[in-house]
Structure formats: C-alpha cells, structure tokens
C-alpha cells in the first residue's frame, strides 16, 4: 500500500510539472483577455484529453488555477469548468460531460455524468420586455455543494446543497437543499432524511 501511494505521489508530481508551463501560458493569455473566458478555453482544451492522463492533468491544472482546490480529484472526460472562482475539495469525483459553474464542492462528493451546476438562478434578467434577455445582464452566485454528497446523472443544480445529501438523477434543484436529505424531481423536493436524529447528532460538528 505504501508503495502504491509513493507511485501515485510521483505521478502527481510529474503531471504537476507538465501543468506548470500550461498554467504559465494561461496566466499570460489572461492579461490579454478576461480571466473567465480564458479559463473556460483552457478547460475545454483539457476536457478533450482521455483516460488517466487527462484525469491527472486536469487535477494538476485546476489545483494551480482554482482557489482552495485539491489535486486529489477526478474530473471526467468532456467536463468543463466555466469559472475560475471554483473550489473543489479532496476526494471529489466529477463524471464525464458535466458543466460546472461557479461553485464550491466539499470533500468526497460524487457528481454523476451530465450534471450541470449553474452559477445560481439569476444569471439572466428578463423583466425588461423591451430589451433582449441576453442584453439585460444578471447575477452570478457561487453555489455551495456540501461534503459527502451524491449528485445523480443529468441533475441540474442552481442552489446550495447541504452536507451528506443526495440529489436524484434528473432532478432540478431550484432552492436550497438541507443536510442529510434525499431530494428528487423537477423542482426537487424532499423524499426522506438519510439520518435519524440520533445518527445526525454523531456527525462531526465541522460537517454540519
């Protein structure tokens, strides 16, 4: 087991070395264009690299480029991050073909294939009927996805999700989800709680 960990650490260092020139190029280009536009372009490029090489290279680059992001993450093939202000905790798995907006993802959370995490629900204003929606602007919100969550395939999340919660496949989360619950549907509604009160009280305070 120790040998396996040592090999994994060496591989991570190798890919960190490979990611450093790419990160340097990213920083240089960012001075000429907007940070998010530049970041999205690099994320699109990195998303095309298949297999373990792609997983390790994406983890190394996002560790360098994104605040408070671990390199012990797995970001799947064709998954795109659209905002640099995204934080991904240790042990997070993000499946293929996801679109990840501005968010903070807690440790050991699982995100299935084809999941969309939006930067809130107010990205586009539409109250002025005399102005095209795309010209009205909007607000971006950094959405918090808790630790030890499971977001099922093809779910759409546009509101915070508490620790230890499950969002069923295909669900649309439009309002905050509490901790330790299972939600499903469009819009997502409470199905049941995962913990009894006694079990919930044994969860470490920092995970609430």
C-alpha atoms as a PDB file:
ATOM      1  CA  UNK A   1       0.000   0.000   0.000  1.00  0.00           C
ATOM      2  CA  UNK A   2       2.830   2.406   0.847  1.00  0.00           C
ATOM      3  CA  UNK A   3       4.484   1.616  -2.492  1.00  0.00           C
ATOM      4  CA  UNK A   4       1.238   2.344  -4.300  1.00  0.00           C
ATOM      5  CA  UNK A   5       0.901   5.700  -2.521  1.00  0.00           C
ATOM      6  CA  UNK A   6       4.505   6.569  -3.326  1.00  0.00           C
ATOM      7  CA  UNK A   7       3.959   5.789  -7.013  1.00  0.00           C
ATOM      8  CA  UNK A   8       0.767   7.863  -7.049  1.00  0.00           C
ATOM      9  CA  UNK A   9       2.569  10.823  -5.456  1.00  0.00           C
ATOM     10  CA  UNK A  10       5.336  10.558  -8.060  1.00  0.00           C
ATOM     11  CA  UNK A  11       2.807  10.506 -10.898  1.00  0.00           C
ATOM     12  CA  UNK A  12       1.066  13.586  -9.454  1.00  0.00           C
ATOM     13  CA  UNK A  13       4.387  15.427  -9.251  1.00  0.00           C
ATOM     14  CA  UNK A  14       5.088  14.500 -12.869  1.00  0.00           C
ATOM     15  CA  UNK A  15       1.745  15.888 -14.052  1.00  0.00           C
ATOM     16  CA  UNK A  16       2.148  18.965 -11.872  1.00  0.00           C
ATOM     17  CA  UNK A  17       5.411  19.599 -13.726  1.00  0.00           C
ATOM     18  CA  UNK A  18       3.597  19.166 -17.042  1.00  0.00           C
ATOM     19  CA  UNK A  19       0.812  21.519 -15.930  1.00  0.00           C
ATOM     20  CA  UNK A  20       3.133  24.337 -14.826  1.00  0.00           C
ATOM     21  CA  UNK A  21       4.027  25.563 -18.365  1.00  0.00           C
ATOM     22  CA  UNK A  22       0.345  25.323 -19.320  1.00  0.00           C
ATOM     23  CA  UNK A  23      -0.586  27.366 -16.265  1.00  0.00           C
ATOM     24  CA  UNK A  24       2.077  29.925 -17.152  1.00  0.00           C
ATOM     25  CA  UNK A  25       0.617  30.229 -20.659  1.00  0.00           C
ATOM     26  CA  UNK A  26      -2.843  30.595 -19.123  1.00  0.00           C
ATOM     27  CA  UNK A  27      -1.677  33.474 -16.915  1.00  0.00           C
ATOM     28  CA  UNK A  28      -0.010  35.197 -19.864  1.00  0.00           C
ATOM     29  CA  UNK A  29      -3.122  34.959 -22.044  1.00  0.00           C
ATOM     30  CA  UNK A  30      -5.311  36.147 -19.146  1.00  0.00           C
ATOM     31  CA  UNK A  31      -3.579  39.528 -19.324  1.00  0.00           C
ATOM     32  CA  UNK A  32      -4.933  39.923 -22.867  1.00  0.00           C
ATOM     33  CA  UNK A  33      -8.470  38.641 -22.331  1.00  0.00           C
ATOM     34  CA  UNK A  34     -10.937  38.161 -19.488  1.00  0.00           C
ATOM     35  CA  UNK A  35      -9.930  35.628 -16.852  1.00  0.00           C
ATOM     36  CA  UNK A  36     -13.126  33.549 -17.063  1.00  0.00           C
ATOM     37  CA  UNK A  37     -13.123  33.443 -20.881  1.00  0.00           C
ATOM     38  CA  UNK A  38      -9.503  32.356 -20.891  1.00  0.00           C
ATOM     39  CA  UNK A  39     -10.121  29.808 -18.133  1.00  0.00           C
ATOM     40  CA  UNK A  40     -13.088  28.295 -19.976  1.00  0.00           C
ATOM     41  CA  UNK A  41     -10.986  27.919 -23.141  1.00  0.00           C
ATOM     42  CA  UNK A  42      -8.268  26.059 -21.242  1.00  0.00           C
ATOM     43  CA  UNK A  43     -10.878  23.911 -19.504  1.00  0.00           C
ATOM     44  CA  UNK A  44     -12.386  22.989 -22.885  1.00  0.00           C
ATOM     45  CA  UNK A  45      -8.959  22.011 -24.178  1.00  0.00           C
ATOM     46  CA  UNK A  46      -8.134  19.917 -21.110  1.00  0.00           C
ATOM     47  CA  UNK A  47     -11.540  18.211 -21.220  1.00  0.00           C
ATOM     48  CA  UNK A  48     -10.605  16.563 -24.529  1.00  0.00           C
ATOM     49  CA  UNK A  49      -7.713  14.531 -23.078  1.00  0.00           C
ATOM     50  CA  UNK A  50      -8.945  10.966 -22.466  1.00  0.00           C
ATOM     51  CA  UNK A  51      -8.046   8.379 -19.856  1.00  0.00           C
ATOM     52  CA  UNK A  52      -5.911   8.625 -16.731  1.00  0.00           C
ATOM     53  CA  UNK A  53      -3.590  11.143 -18.364  1.00  0.00           C
ATOM     54  CA  UNK A  54      -6.489  13.553 -18.733  1.00  0.00           C
ATOM     55  CA  UNK A  55      -7.653  12.991 -15.148  1.00  0.00           C
ATOM     56  CA  UNK A  56      -4.183  13.684 -13.711  1.00  0.00           C
ATOM     57  CA  UNK A  57      -3.505  16.690 -15.944  1.00  0.00           C
ATOM     58  CA  UNK A  58      -6.865  18.303 -15.187  1.00  0.00           C
ATOM     59  CA  UNK A  59      -6.352  17.764 -11.451  1.00  0.00           C
ATOM     60  CA  UNK A  60      -2.900  19.372 -11.599  1.00  0.00           C
ATOM     61  CA  UNK A  61      -4.076  22.372 -13.649  1.00  0.00           C
ATOM     62  CA  UNK A  62      -7.166  23.048 -11.509  1.00  0.00           C
ATOM     63  CA  UNK A  63      -5.068  22.825  -8.351  1.00  0.00           C
ATOM     64  CA  UNK A  64      -2.918  25.640  -9.762  1.00  0.00           C
ATOM     65  CA  UNK A  65      -5.683  27.714 -11.331  1.00  0.00           C
ATOM     66  CA  UNK A  66      -8.606  27.449  -8.883  1.00  0.00           C
ATOM     67  CA  UNK A  67      -8.647  28.661  -5.259  1.00  0.00           C
ATOM     68  CA  UNK A  68      -8.575  26.050  -2.481  1.00  0.00           C
ATOM     69  CA  UNK A  69      -8.677  23.153  -4.940  1.00  0.00           C
ATOM     70  CA  UNK A  70      -7.062  19.804  -4.188  1.00  0.00           C
ATOM     71  CA  UNK A  71      -5.127  17.748  -6.714  1.00  0.00           C
ATOM     72  CA  UNK A  72      -6.776  14.631  -5.249  1.00  0.00           C
ATOM     73  CA  UNK A  73      -9.796  14.976  -7.512  1.00  0.00           C
ATOM     74  CA  UNK A  74     -11.104  13.241 -10.614  1.00  0.00           C
ATOM     75  CA  UNK A  75     -12.648  15.375 -13.360  1.00  0.00           C
ATOM     76  CA  UNK A  76     -14.088  13.340 -16.214  1.00  0.00           C
ATOM     77  CA  UNK A  77     -13.728  13.459 -19.989  1.00  0.00           C
ATOM     78  CA  UNK A  78     -15.554  16.377 -21.694  1.00  0.00           C
ATOM     79  CA  UNK A  79     -16.336  18.053 -18.367  1.00  0.00           C
ATOM     80  CA  UNK A  80     -15.918  21.836 -18.480  1.00  0.00           C
ATOM     81  CA  UNK A  81     -15.439  24.336 -15.665  1.00  0.00           C
ATOM     82  CA  UNK A  82     -16.708  27.759 -16.735  1.00  0.00           C
ATOM     83  CA  UNK A  83     -15.435  29.950 -13.858  1.00  0.00           C
ATOM     84  CA  UNK A  84     -12.016  30.129 -12.268  1.00  0.00           C
ATOM     85  CA  UNK A  85     -13.612  31.010  -8.920  1.00  0.00           C
ATOM     86  CA  UNK A  86     -14.477  27.364  -8.321  1.00  0.00           C
ATOM     87  CA  UNK A  87     -13.150  25.317  -5.399  1.00  0.00           C
ATOM     88  CA  UNK A  88     -13.040  21.514  -5.425  1.00  0.00           C
ATOM     89  CA  UNK A  89     -12.319  19.590  -2.236  1.00  0.00           C
ATOM     90  CA  UNK A  90     -10.208  16.489  -1.736  1.00  0.00           C
ATOM     91  CA  UNK A  91     -11.708  13.210  -2.918  1.00  0.00           C
ATOM     92  CA  UNK A  92     -14.285  14.780  -5.252  1.00  0.00           C
ATOM     93  CA  UNK A  93     -15.311  12.784  -8.326  1.00  0.00           C
ATOM     94  CA  UNK A  94     -16.935  14.612 -11.258  1.00  0.00           C
ATOM     95  CA  UNK A  95     -18.187  12.390 -14.059  1.00  0.00           C
ATOM     96  CA  UNK A  96     -17.918  12.950 -17.819  1.00  0.00           C
ATOM     97  CA  UNK A  97     -19.818  15.569 -19.826  1.00  0.00           C
ATOM     98  CA  UNK A  98     -20.586  17.879 -16.903  1.00  0.00           C
ATOM     99  CA  UNK A  99     -20.771  21.673 -16.975  1.00  0.00           C
ATOM    100  CA  UNK A 100     -19.571  23.147 -13.696  1.00  0.00           C
ATOM    101  CA  UNK A 101     -20.297  26.800 -12.979  1.00  0.00           C
ATOM    102  CA  UNK A 102     -19.015  28.949 -10.122  1.00  0.00           C
ATOM    103  CA  UNK A 103     -19.249  26.734  -7.061  1.00  0.00           C
ATOM    104  CA  UNK A 104     -17.573  25.242  -4.028  1.00  0.00           C
ATOM    105  CA  UNK A 105     -17.668  21.432  -3.844  1.00  0.00           C
ATOM    106  CA  UNK A 106     -16.996  19.784  -0.478  1.00  0.00           C
ATOM    107  CA  UNK A 107     -14.742  16.802   0.142  1.00  0.00           C
ATOM    108  CA  UNK A 108     -15.651  13.287  -1.051  1.00  0.00           C
ATOM    109  CA  UNK A 109     -18.660  14.384  -3.083  1.00  0.00           C
ATOM    110  CA  UNK A 110     -19.721  12.343  -6.119  1.00  0.00           C
ATOM    111  CA  UNK A 111     -21.108  14.107  -9.191  1.00  0.00           C
ATOM    112  CA  UNK A 112     -22.538  11.860 -11.890  1.00  0.00           C
ATOM    113  CA  UNK A 113     -22.375  12.180 -15.672  1.00  0.00           C
ATOM    114  CA  UNK A 114     -24.033  15.082 -17.470  1.00  0.00           C
ATOM    115  CA  UNK A 115     -24.608  17.147 -14.345  1.00  0.00           C
ATOM    116  CA  UNK A 116     -24.983  20.930 -14.695  1.00  0.00           C
ATOM    117  CA  UNK A 117     -24.113  23.126 -11.725  1.00  0.00           C
ATOM    118  CA  UNK A 118     -25.242  26.644 -12.570  1.00  0.00           C
ATOM    119  CA  UNK A 119     -23.840  29.834 -11.036  1.00  0.00           C
ATOM    120  CA  UNK A 120     -27.167  30.473  -9.322  1.00  0.00           C
ATOM    121  CA  UNK A 121     -30.637  31.009 -10.753  1.00  0.00           C
ATOM    122  CA  UNK A 122     -30.335  34.712 -11.606  1.00  0.00           C
ATOM    123  CA  UNK A 123     -27.732  34.676 -14.368  1.00  0.00           C
ATOM    124  CA  UNK A 124     -30.155  36.287 -16.823  1.00  0.00           C
ATOM    125  CA  UNK A 125     -32.532  39.112 -16.006  1.00  0.00           C
ATOM    126  CA  UNK A 126     -35.742  39.219 -18.065  1.00  0.00           C
ATOM    127  CA  UNK A 127     -38.003  41.875 -16.502  1.00  0.00           C
ATOM    128  CA  UNK A 128     -37.475  44.439 -19.277  1.00  0.00           C
ATOM    129  CA  UNK A 129     -39.592  43.166 -22.163  1.00  0.00           C
ATOM    130  CA  UNK A 130     -38.263  45.881 -24.473  1.00  0.00           C
ATOM    131  CA  UNK A 131     -34.658  44.634 -24.204  1.00  0.00           C
ATOM    132  CA  UNK A 132     -33.359  41.254 -25.400  1.00  0.00           C
ATOM    133  CA  UNK A 133     -32.706  38.935 -22.453  1.00  0.00           C
ATOM    134  CA  UNK A 134     -29.070  38.455 -23.437  1.00  0.00           C
ATOM    135  CA  UNK A 135     -28.508  42.218 -23.090  1.00  0.00           C
ATOM    136  CA  UNK A 136     -30.075  42.584 -19.616  1.00  0.00           C
ATOM    137  CA  UNK A 137     -27.222  41.094 -17.644  1.00  0.00           C
ATOM    138  CA  UNK A 138     -27.645  39.122 -14.444  1.00  0.00           C
ATOM    139  CA  UNK A 139     -26.026  37.978 -11.198  1.00  0.00           C
ATOM    140  CA  UNK A 140     -23.628  35.103 -10.668  1.00  0.00           C
ATOM    141  CA  UNK A 141     -23.644  33.263  -7.347  1.00  0.00           C
ATOM    142  CA  UNK A 142     -21.036  30.825  -6.023  1.00  0.00           C
ATOM    143  CA  UNK A 143     -23.105  27.736  -5.222  1.00  0.00           C
ATOM    144  CA  UNK A 144     -22.035  25.571  -2.275  1.00  0.00           C
ATOM    145  CA  UNK A 145     -22.238  21.800  -2.722  1.00  0.00           C
ATOM    146  CA  UNK A 146     -21.623  20.102   0.617  1.00  0.00           C
ATOM    147  CA  UNK A 147     -19.205  17.361   1.585  1.00  0.00           C
ATOM    148  CA  UNK A 148     -20.084  13.692   1.067  1.00  0.00           C
ATOM    149  CA  UNK A 149     -22.932  14.433  -1.355  1.00  0.00           C
ATOM    150  CA  UNK A 150     -24.083  12.437  -4.363  1.00  0.00           C
ATOM    151  CA  UNK A 151     -25.465  14.371  -7.327  1.00  0.00           C
ATOM    152  CA  UNK A 152     -27.073  11.907  -9.745  1.00  0.00           C
ATOM    153  CA  UNK A 153     -26.690  11.791 -13.521  1.00  0.00           C
ATOM    154  CA  UNK A 154     -28.159  14.691 -15.531  1.00  0.00           C
ATOM    155  CA  UNK A 155     -29.197  16.673 -12.444  1.00  0.00           C
ATOM    156  CA  UNK A 156     -29.312  20.472 -12.663  1.00  0.00           C
ATOM    157  CA  UNK A 157     -28.247  22.312  -9.517  1.00  0.00           C
ATOM    158  CA  UNK A 158     -28.722  26.064  -9.101  1.00  0.00           C
ATOM    159  CA  UNK A 159     -28.989  26.356  -5.297  1.00  0.00           C
ATOM    160  CA  UNK A 160     -26.849  25.290  -2.301  1.00  0.00           C
ATOM    161  CA  UNK A 161     -26.845  21.652  -1.222  1.00  0.00           C
ATOM    162  CA  UNK A 162     -26.032  20.628   2.350  1.00  0.00           C
ATOM    163  CA  UNK A 163     -23.537  18.012   3.515  1.00  0.00           C
ATOM    164  CA  UNK A 164     -24.339  14.287   3.157  1.00  0.00           C
ATOM    165  CA  UNK A 165     -27.283  14.922   0.824  1.00  0.00           C
ATOM    166  CA  UNK A 166     -28.350  13.078  -2.325  1.00  0.00           C
ATOM    167  CA  UNK A 167     -29.879  14.649  -5.425  1.00  0.00           C
ATOM    168  CA  UNK A 168     -31.583  12.006  -7.548  1.00  0.00           C
ATOM    169  CA  UNK A 169     -30.750  11.603 -11.232  1.00  0.00           C
ATOM    170  CA  UNK A 170     -32.510  14.083 -13.499  1.00  0.00           C
ATOM    171  CA  UNK A 171     -33.592  16.353 -10.641  1.00  0.00           C
ATOM    172  CA  UNK A 172     -33.639  20.153 -10.871  1.00  0.00           C
ATOM    173  CA  UNK A 173     -32.570  21.902  -7.666  1.00  0.00           C
ATOM    174  CA  UNK A 174     -34.068  25.414  -7.577  1.00  0.00           C
ATOM    175  CA  UNK A 175     -33.993  26.057  -3.811  1.00  0.00           C
ATOM    176  CA  UNK A 176     -31.591  25.203  -1.001  1.00  0.00           C
ATOM    177  CA  UNK A 177     -31.282  21.545  -0.020  1.00  0.00           C
ATOM    178  CA  UNK A 178     -30.697  20.763   3.659  1.00  0.00           C
ATOM    179  CA  UNK A 179     -28.053  18.462   5.104  1.00  0.00           C
ATOM    180  CA  UNK A 180     -28.514  14.703   5.167  1.00  0.00           C
ATOM    181  CA  UNK A 181     -31.571  14.506   2.933  1.00  0.00           C
ATOM    182  CA  UNK A 182     -32.596  12.906  -0.367  1.00  0.00           C
ATOM    183  CA  UNK A 183     -34.377  15.075  -2.923  1.00  0.00           C
ATOM    184  CA  UNK A 184     -35.834  14.244  -6.335  1.00  0.00           C
ATOM    185  CA  UNK A 185     -37.984  15.690  -9.089  1.00  0.00           C
ATOM    186  CA  UNK A 186     -38.430  18.932 -11.016  1.00  0.00           C
ATOM    187  CA  UNK A 187     -38.340  21.031  -8.950  1.00  0.00           C
ATOM    188  CA  UNK A 188     -36.525  18.807  -6.471  1.00  0.00           C
ATOM    189  CA  UNK A 189     -38.493  18.005  -3.319  1.00  0.00           C
ATOM    190  CA  UNK A 190     -37.671  16.177  -0.103  1.00  0.00           C
ATOM    191  CA  UNK A 191     -38.086  12.392  -0.380  1.00  0.00           C
ATOM    192  CA  UNK A 192     -36.712  11.450   3.012  1.00  0.00           C
ATOM    193  CA  UNK A 193     -33.958  12.118   5.521  1.00  0.00           C
ATOM    194  CA  UNK A 194     -30.851   9.931   5.465  1.00  0.00           C
ATOM    195  CA  UNK A 195     -30.194  10.074   9.215  1.00  0.00           C
ATOM    196  CA  UNK A 196     -32.275   9.638  12.333  1.00  0.00           C
ATOM    197  CA  UNK A 197     -31.855  12.419  14.891  1.00  0.00           C
ATOM    198  CA  UNK A 198     -29.583  10.149  16.935  1.00  0.00           C
ATOM    199  CA  UNK A 199     -27.341   9.383  13.949  1.00  0.00           C
ATOM    200  CA  UNK A 200     -27.307  13.012  12.853  1.00  0.00           C
ATOM    201  CA  UNK A 201     -26.006  14.042  16.275  1.00  0.00           C
ATOM    202  CA  UNK A 202     -22.972  11.772  15.805  1.00  0.00           C
ATOM    203  CA  UNK A 203     -21.885  13.587  12.629  1.00  0.00           C
ATOM    204  CA  UNK A 204     -18.826  15.747  13.448  1.00  0.00           C
ATOM    205  CA  UNK A 205     -19.737  19.376  14.032  1.00  0.00           C
ATOM    206  CA  UNK A 206     -17.485  20.609  11.212  1.00  0.00           C
ATOM    207  CA  UNK A 207     -19.521  18.592   8.700  1.00  0.00           C
ATOM    208  CA  UNK A 208     -22.863  20.190   9.607  1.00  0.00           C
END
